[in-house]
Amino acid sequence: MADAAATMEFERLLAPVLERAYGVALRLTRDPSDAEDLVQDAALLAFRGFGTFERGTNFKAWFLRILTNAFISARRKKRPEDEAVSLDAPPSAFMQHEARRLVGETARPKYEAAGDVVREVMARLDAEQVVAAIDALPEEFRVVSVLYFLEDQPYQDIAETLGIPVGTVRSRLHRGRALLQQRLWTTAVDAGIVGGAA
């Protein structure tokens, strides 16, 4: 059992990361109650394993690794089959492709180039729409996208957190970006920011 000094140290390190941890948990679980449960489970696991934490290293990264692994472990137990992901991947530059198609179909002078359309779409989408698009990604791509886009973690940290090779992180982010572009374009079409999709 941990002594009082270790308990106090753990609580001192944990308190400032709880809000960020809940945000990550909410992005992963997509449910406030499940997010709270995940943070509590991760806190208990971290407390039990606090003896393995190397003092002077990044506690937040260590805790988020535990939280992410707890999420993945719980999902594997609850759902043995993986979420189905279409093998018909959208092109990696989906927004550029759609923007070029739109420029070719319109005579609107403000759309002189596909890049103008993409810039306009991204400028007019708000943060909530982008986060919602990330939330809608299949789990395999959502996890790495949350850690990369929302938590600003580098590839190596994501690889260590998930226990996968850096190449796998890059591959999932590449596919996640492609799916994200498709969702953001659809959001922009639905919001009337651009014309219809293909």
C-alpha atoms as a PDB file:
ATOM      1  CA  MET A   1       0.000   0.000   0.000  1.00  0.00           C
ATOM      2  CA  ALA A   2       1.288   3.468  -0.851  1.00  0.00           C
ATOM      3  CA  ASP A   3       2.488   5.636   1.997  1.00  0.00           C
ATOM      4  CA  ALA A   4       0.961   9.043   2.787  1.00  0.00           C
ATOM      5  CA  ALA A   5       3.771  10.979   1.067  1.00  0.00           C
ATOM      6  CA  ALA A   6       3.383   8.989  -2.174  1.00  0.00           C
ATOM      7  CA  THR A   7      -0.396   9.450  -2.042  1.00  0.00           C
ATOM      8  CA  MET A   8      -0.010  13.210  -1.631  1.00  0.00           C
ATOM      9  CA  GLU A   9       2.513  13.360  -4.464  1.00  0.00           C
ATOM     10  CA  PHE A  10       0.201  11.372  -6.731  1.00  0.00           C
ATOM     11  CA  GLU A  11      -2.768  13.634  -5.947  1.00  0.00           C
ATOM     12  CA  ARG A  12      -0.635  16.742  -6.533  1.00  0.00           C
ATOM     13  CA  LEU A  13       0.466  15.491  -9.954  1.00  0.00           C
ATOM     14  CA  LEU A  14      -2.979  14.199 -10.932  1.00  0.00           C
ATOM     15  CA  ALA A  15      -5.071  17.274 -10.079  1.00  0.00           C
ATOM     16  CA  PRO A  16      -3.813  19.543 -12.904  1.00  0.00           C
ATOM     17  CA  VAL A  17      -4.264  16.873 -15.603  1.00  0.00           C
ATOM     18  CA  LEU A  18      -7.782  15.722 -14.714  1.00  0.00           C
ATOM     19  CA  GLU A  19      -9.591  18.258 -16.893  1.00  0.00           C
ATOM     20  CA  ARG A  20      -7.424  17.446 -19.914  1.00  0.00           C
ATOM     21  CA  ALA A  21      -7.787  13.721 -19.214  1.00  0.00           C
ATOM     22  CA  TYR A  22     -11.572  14.049 -19.128  1.00  0.00           C
ATOM     23  CA  GLY A  23     -11.470  15.862 -22.478  1.00  0.00           C
ATOM     24  CA  VAL A  24      -9.464  13.020 -24.013  1.00  0.00           C
ATOM     25  CA  ALA A  25     -11.746  10.430 -22.408  1.00  0.00           C
ATOM     26  CA  LEU A  26     -14.821  12.195 -23.788  1.00  0.00           C
ATOM     27  CA  ARG A  27     -13.320  12.233 -27.302  1.00  0.00           C
ATOM     28  CA  LEU A  28     -12.547   8.517 -27.030  1.00  0.00           C
ATOM     29  CA  THR A  29     -15.787   7.289 -25.452  1.00  0.00           C
ATOM     30  CA  ARG A  30     -18.189   9.872 -26.948  1.00  0.00           C
ATOM     31  CA  ASP A  31     -20.238   9.683 -23.744  1.00  0.00           C
ATOM     32  CA  PRO A  32     -19.883  11.889 -20.610  1.00  0.00           C
ATOM     33  CA  SER A  33     -20.709   9.102 -18.157  1.00  0.00           C
ATOM     34  CA  ASP A  34     -18.331   6.647 -19.845  1.00  0.00           C
ATOM     35  CA  ALA A  35     -15.658   9.365 -19.919  1.00  0.00           C
ATOM     36  CA  GLU A  36     -15.983   9.898 -16.154  1.00  0.00           C
ATOM     37  CA  ASP A  37     -15.754   6.145 -15.579  1.00  0.00           C
ATOM     38  CA  LEU A  38     -12.691   5.927 -17.810  1.00  0.00           C
ATOM     39  CA  VAL A  39     -10.900   8.740 -15.950  1.00  0.00           C
ATOM     40  CA  GLN A  40     -11.718   7.079 -12.611  1.00  0.00           C
ATOM     41  CA  ASP A  41     -10.494   3.692 -13.838  1.00  0.00           C
ATOM     42  CA  ALA A  42      -7.314   5.280 -15.186  1.00  0.00           C
ATOM     43  CA  ALA A  43      -6.740   7.151 -11.925  1.00  0.00           C
ATOM     44  CA  LEU A  44      -7.056   3.917  -9.950  1.00  0.00           C
ATOM     45  CA  LEU A  45      -4.702   2.098 -12.324  1.00  0.00           C
ATOM     46  CA  ALA A  46      -2.226   4.981 -12.178  1.00  0.00           C
ATOM     47  CA  PHE A  47      -2.355   5.098  -8.388  1.00  0.00           C
ATOM     48  CA  ARG A  48      -1.729   1.368  -8.156  1.00  0.00           C
ATOM     49  CA  GLY A  49       1.169   1.663 -10.611  1.00  0.00           C
ATOM     50  CA  PHE A  50       2.552   4.940  -9.267  1.00  0.00           C
ATOM     51  CA  GLY A  51       5.674   3.146  -8.075  1.00  0.00           C
ATOM     52  CA  THR A  52       6.626   2.615 -11.725  1.00  0.00           C
ATOM     53  CA  PHE A  53       6.354   6.322 -12.600  1.00  0.00           C
ATOM     54  CA  GLU A  54       9.822   7.811 -13.149  1.00  0.00           C
ATOM     55  CA  ARG A  55      10.067  11.047 -11.186  1.00  0.00           C
ATOM     56  CA  GLY A  56      11.048  13.996 -13.336  1.00  0.00           C
ATOM     57  CA  THR A  57       9.329  12.653 -16.462  1.00  0.00           C
ATOM     58  CA  ASN A  58       6.047  13.857 -17.948  1.00  0.00           C
ATOM     59  CA  PHE A  59       3.243  12.762 -15.600  1.00  0.00           C
ATOM     60  CA  LYS A  60       0.504  13.935 -17.983  1.00  0.00           C
ATOM     61  CA  ALA A  61       1.872  11.796 -20.832  1.00  0.00           C
ATOM     62  CA  TRP A  62       2.229   8.836 -18.453  1.00  0.00           C
ATOM     63  CA  PHE A  63      -1.348   9.228 -17.215  1.00  0.00           C
ATOM     64  CA  LEU A  64      -2.796   9.700 -20.715  1.00  0.00           C
ATOM     65  CA  ARG A  65      -1.013   6.512 -21.779  1.00  0.00           C
ATOM     66  CA  ILE A  66      -2.735   4.648 -18.933  1.00  0.00           C
ATOM     67  CA  LEU A  67      -6.089   6.232 -19.800  1.00  0.00           C
ATOM     68  CA  THR A  68      -5.788   5.369 -23.501  1.00  0.00           C
ATOM     69  CA  ASN A  69      -4.706   1.813 -22.756  1.00  0.00           C
ATOM     70  CA  ALA A  70      -7.614   1.424 -20.293  1.00  0.00           C
ATOM     71  CA  PHE A  71     -10.001   2.579 -23.025  1.00  0.00           C
ATOM     72  CA  ILE A  72      -8.575   0.147 -25.593  1.00  0.00           C
ATOM     73  CA  SER A  73      -8.594  -2.720 -23.104  1.00  0.00           C
ATOM     74  CA  ALA A  74     -12.211  -2.070 -22.088  1.00  0.00           C
ATOM     75  CA  ARG A  75     -13.333  -1.840 -25.722  1.00  0.00           C
ATOM     76  CA  ARG A  76     -11.688  -5.147 -26.575  1.00  0.00           C
ATOM     77  CA  LYS A  77     -13.511  -6.862 -23.709  1.00  0.00           C
ATOM     78  CA  LYS A  78     -16.897  -5.354 -24.599  1.00  0.00           C
ATOM     79  CA  ARG A  79     -16.695  -5.774 -28.353  1.00  0.00           C
ATOM     80  CA  PRO A  80     -14.679  -8.664 -29.736  1.00  0.00           C
ATOM     81  CA  GLU A  81     -15.322  -7.742 -33.346  1.00  0.00           C
ATOM     82  CA  ASP A  82     -13.685  -4.624 -34.698  1.00  0.00           C
ATOM     83  CA  GLU A  83     -15.684  -1.711 -36.000  1.00  0.00           C
ATOM     84  CA  ALA A  84     -16.160  -2.208 -39.713  1.00  0.00           C
ATOM     85  CA  VAL A  85     -14.160   0.215 -41.796  1.00  0.00           C
ATOM     86  CA  SER A  86     -14.740   0.546 -45.511  1.00  0.00           C
ATOM     87  CA  LEU A  87     -11.785  -0.483 -47.638  1.00  0.00           C
ATOM     88  CA  ASP A  88     -12.885   2.058 -50.232  1.00  0.00           C
ATOM     89  CA  ALA A  89     -10.727   4.798 -48.765  1.00  0.00           C
ATOM     90  CA  PRO A  90     -11.379   8.325 -49.886  1.00  0.00           C
ATOM     91  CA  PRO A  91      -8.440   9.903 -51.690  1.00  0.00           C
ATOM     92  CA  SER A  92      -5.899  11.345 -49.254  1.00  0.00           C
ATOM     93  CA  ALA A  93      -6.458  14.802 -50.725  1.00  0.00           C
ATOM     94  CA  PHE A  94     -10.238  14.480 -50.768  1.00  0.00           C
ATOM     95  CA  MET A  95     -10.918  18.168 -50.159  1.00  0.00           C
ATOM     96  CA  GLN A  96      -8.515  19.187 -52.936  1.00  0.00           C
ATOM     97  CA  HIS A  97     -10.192  16.722 -55.298  1.00  0.00           C
ATOM     98  CA  GLU A  98     -13.693  18.003 -54.476  1.00  0.00           C
ATOM     99  CA  ALA A  99     -12.508  21.621 -54.639  1.00  0.00           C
ATOM    100  CA  ARG A 100     -10.988  21.058 -58.104  1.00  0.00           C
ATOM    101  CA  ARG A 101     -14.277  19.492 -59.221  1.00  0.00           C
ATOM    102  CA  LEU A 102     -16.206  22.467 -57.836  1.00  0.00           C
ATOM    103  CA  VAL A 103     -13.897  25.009 -59.497  1.00  0.00           C
ATOM    104  CA  GLY A 104     -14.326  23.186 -62.797  1.00  0.00           C
ATOM    105  CA  GLU A 105     -18.119  23.202 -62.453  1.00  0.00           C
ATOM    106  CA  THR A 106     -18.664  26.809 -61.377  1.00  0.00           C
ATOM    107  CA  ALA A 107     -18.050  30.117 -62.978  1.00  0.00           C
ATOM    108  CA  ARG A 108     -17.732  31.855 -59.634  1.00  0.00           C
ATOM    109  CA  PRO A 109     -14.669  34.102 -59.962  1.00  0.00           C
ATOM    110  CA  LYS A 110     -13.791  33.895 -56.266  1.00  0.00           C
ATOM    111  CA  TYR A 111     -12.869  30.235 -56.811  1.00  0.00           C
ATOM    112  CA  GLU A 112      -9.798  30.761 -58.934  1.00  0.00           C
ATOM    113  CA  ALA A 113      -8.068  27.691 -57.570  1.00  0.00           C
ATOM    114  CA  ALA A 114      -8.911  24.589 -55.551  1.00  0.00           C
ATOM    115  CA  GLY A 115      -6.727  25.886 -52.714  1.00  0.00           C
ATOM    116  CA  ASP A 116      -9.044  28.909 -52.405  1.00  0.00           C
ATOM    117  CA  VAL A 117     -12.003  26.589 -51.830  1.00  0.00           C
ATOM    118  CA  VAL A 118     -10.184  24.477 -49.246  1.00  0.00           C
ATOM    119  CA  ARG A 119      -9.010  27.596 -47.383  1.00  0.00           C
ATOM    120  CA  GLU A 120     -12.553  28.967 -47.357  1.00  0.00           C
ATOM    121  CA  VAL A 121     -13.983  25.676 -46.079  1.00  0.00           C
ATOM    122  CA  MET A 122     -11.450  25.454 -43.242  1.00  0.00           C
ATOM    123  CA  ALA A 123     -11.879  29.131 -42.337  1.00  0.00           C
ATOM    124  CA  ARG A 124     -15.648  28.820 -42.109  1.00  0.00           C
ATOM    125  CA  LEU A 125     -15.845  25.566 -40.164  1.00  0.00           C
ATOM    126  CA  ASP A 126     -15.795  26.123 -36.415  1.00  0.00           C
ATOM    127  CA  ALA A 127     -13.851  24.110 -33.846  1.00  0.00           C
ATOM    128  CA  GLU A 128     -16.960  22.197 -32.769  1.00  0.00           C
ATOM    129  CA  GLN A 129     -17.546  20.982 -36.315  1.00  0.00           C
ATOM    130  CA  VAL A 130     -13.942  19.809 -36.617  1.00  0.00           C
ATOM    131  CA  VAL A 131     -14.074  18.029 -33.241  1.00  0.00           C
ATOM    132  CA  ALA A 132     -17.409  16.433 -34.196  1.00  0.00           C
ATOM    133  CA  ALA A 133     -15.811  15.149 -37.405  1.00  0.00           C
ATOM    134  CA  ILE A 134     -12.942  13.637 -35.393  1.00  0.00           C
ATOM    135  CA  ASP A 135     -15.454  12.113 -32.962  1.00  0.00           C
ATOM    136  CA  ALA A 136     -17.237  10.433 -35.879  1.00  0.00           C
ATOM    137  CA  LEU A 137     -14.104   8.610 -37.096  1.00  0.00           C
ATOM    138  CA  PRO A 138     -13.920   4.842 -36.575  1.00  0.00           C
ATOM    139  CA  GLU A 139     -12.200   4.063 -33.269  1.00  0.00           C
ATOM    140  CA  GLU A 140      -8.886   2.910 -34.776  1.00  0.00           C
ATOM    141  CA  PHE A 141      -8.412   6.277 -36.472  1.00  0.00           C
ATOM    142  CA  ARG A 142     -10.181   8.375 -33.838  1.00  0.00           C
ATOM    143  CA  VAL A 143      -7.742   7.396 -31.086  1.00  0.00           C
ATOM    144  CA  VAL A 144      -4.630   8.459 -33.005  1.00  0.00           C
ATOM    145  CA  SER A 145      -6.399  11.556 -34.354  1.00  0.00           C
ATOM    146  CA  VAL A 146      -7.426  12.675 -30.857  1.00  0.00           C
ATOM    147  CA  LEU A 147      -3.893  12.227 -29.570  1.00  0.00           C
ATOM    148  CA  TYR A 148      -2.313  13.950 -32.591  1.00  0.00           C
ATOM    149  CA  PHE A 149      -4.728  16.746 -33.521  1.00  0.00           C
ATOM    150  CA  LEU A 150      -6.315  17.547 -30.158  1.00  0.00           C
ATOM    151  CA  GLU A 151      -3.550  16.608 -27.722  1.00  0.00           C
ATOM    152  CA  ASP A 152      -0.611  17.690 -29.925  1.00  0.00           C
ATOM    153  CA  GLN A 153       1.299  14.501 -29.188  1.00  0.00           C
ATOM    154  CA  PRO A 154       4.174  13.634 -31.542  1.00  0.00           C
ATOM    155  CA  TYR A 155       4.202  10.329 -33.413  1.00  0.00           C
ATOM    156  CA  GLN A 156       6.674   8.721 -31.025  1.00  0.00           C
ATOM    157  CA  ASP A 157       4.575   9.527 -27.943  1.00  0.00           C
ATOM    158  CA  ILE A 158       1.440   8.184 -29.631  1.00  0.00           C
ATOM    159  CA  ALA A 159       3.303   5.009 -30.569  1.00  0.00           C
ATOM    160  CA  GLU A 160       4.444   4.546 -26.971  1.00  0.00           C
ATOM    161  CA  THR A 161       0.982   5.311 -25.603  1.00  0.00           C
ATOM    162  CA  LEU A 162      -0.716   2.774 -27.853  1.00  0.00           C
ATOM    163  CA  GLY A 163       2.111   0.239 -27.898  1.00  0.00           C
ATOM    164  CA  ILE A 164       2.304   0.242 -31.691  1.00  0.00           C
ATOM    165  CA  PRO A 165       5.109   1.069 -34.148  1.00  0.00           C
ATOM    166  CA  VAL A 166       5.539   4.675 -35.310  1.00  0.00           C
ATOM    167  CA  GLY A 167       4.835   3.476 -38.874  1.00  0.00           C
ATOM    168  CA  THR A 168       1.416   2.233 -37.752  1.00  0.00           C
ATOM    169  CA  VAL A 169       0.717   5.625 -36.168  1.00  0.00           C
ATOM    170  CA  ARG A 170       1.626   7.340 -39.452  1.00  0.00           C
ATOM    171  CA  SER A 171      -0.549   4.936 -41.441  1.00  0.00           C
ATOM    172  CA  ARG A 172      -3.565   5.404 -39.169  1.00  0.00           C
ATOM    173  CA  LEU A 173      -3.140   9.171 -39.185  1.00  0.00           C
ATOM    174  CA  HIS A 174      -2.910   9.173 -42.989  1.00  0.00           C
ATOM    175  CA  ARG A 175      -6.146   7.200 -43.265  1.00  0.00           C
ATOM    176  CA  GLY A 176      -7.723   9.225 -40.452  1.00  0.00           C
ATOM    177  CA  ARG A 177      -6.884  12.490 -42.255  1.00  0.00           C
ATOM    178  CA  ALA A 178      -8.464  11.184 -45.448  1.00  0.00           C
ATOM    179  CA  LEU A 179     -11.664  10.196 -43.640  1.00  0.00           C
ATOM    180  CA  LEU A 180     -11.623  13.483 -41.727  1.00  0.00           C
ATOM    181  CA  GLN A 181     -11.378  15.477 -44.960  1.00  0.00           C
ATOM    182  CA  GLN A 182     -14.368  13.590 -46.318  1.00  0.00           C
ATOM    183  CA  ARG A 183     -16.424  14.320 -43.194  1.00  0.00           C
ATOM    184  CA  LEU A 184     -15.385  17.985 -43.125  1.00  0.00           C
ATOM    185  CA  TRP A 185     -16.320  18.418 -46.790  1.00  0.00           C
ATOM    186  CA  THR A 186     -19.727  16.856 -46.125  1.00  0.00           C
ATOM    187  CA  THR A 187     -20.169  19.194 -43.154  1.00  0.00           C
ATOM    188  CA  ALA A 188     -19.261  22.156 -45.353  1.00  0.00           C
ATOM    189  CA  VAL A 189     -21.758  21.062 -48.004  1.00  0.00           C
ATOM    190  CA  ASP A 190     -24.493  20.559 -45.384  1.00  0.00           C
ATOM    191  CA  ALA A 191     -23.736  24.018 -43.936  1.00  0.00           C
ATOM    192  CA  GLY A 192     -23.950  25.617 -47.403  1.00  0.00           C
ATOM    193  CA  ILE A 193     -20.314  26.695 -47.356  1.00  0.00           C
ATOM    194  CA  VAL A 194     -19.684  24.996 -50.707  1.00  0.00           C
ATOM    195  CA  GLY A 195     -21.778  23.381 -53.435  1.00  0.00           C
ATOM    196  CA  GLY A 196     -22.808  19.743 -53.543  1.00  0.00           C
ATOM    197  CA  ALA A 197     -20.485  16.759 -53.223  1.00  0.00           C
ATOM    198  CA  ALA A 198     -19.775  14.182 -55.850  1.00  0.00           C
END
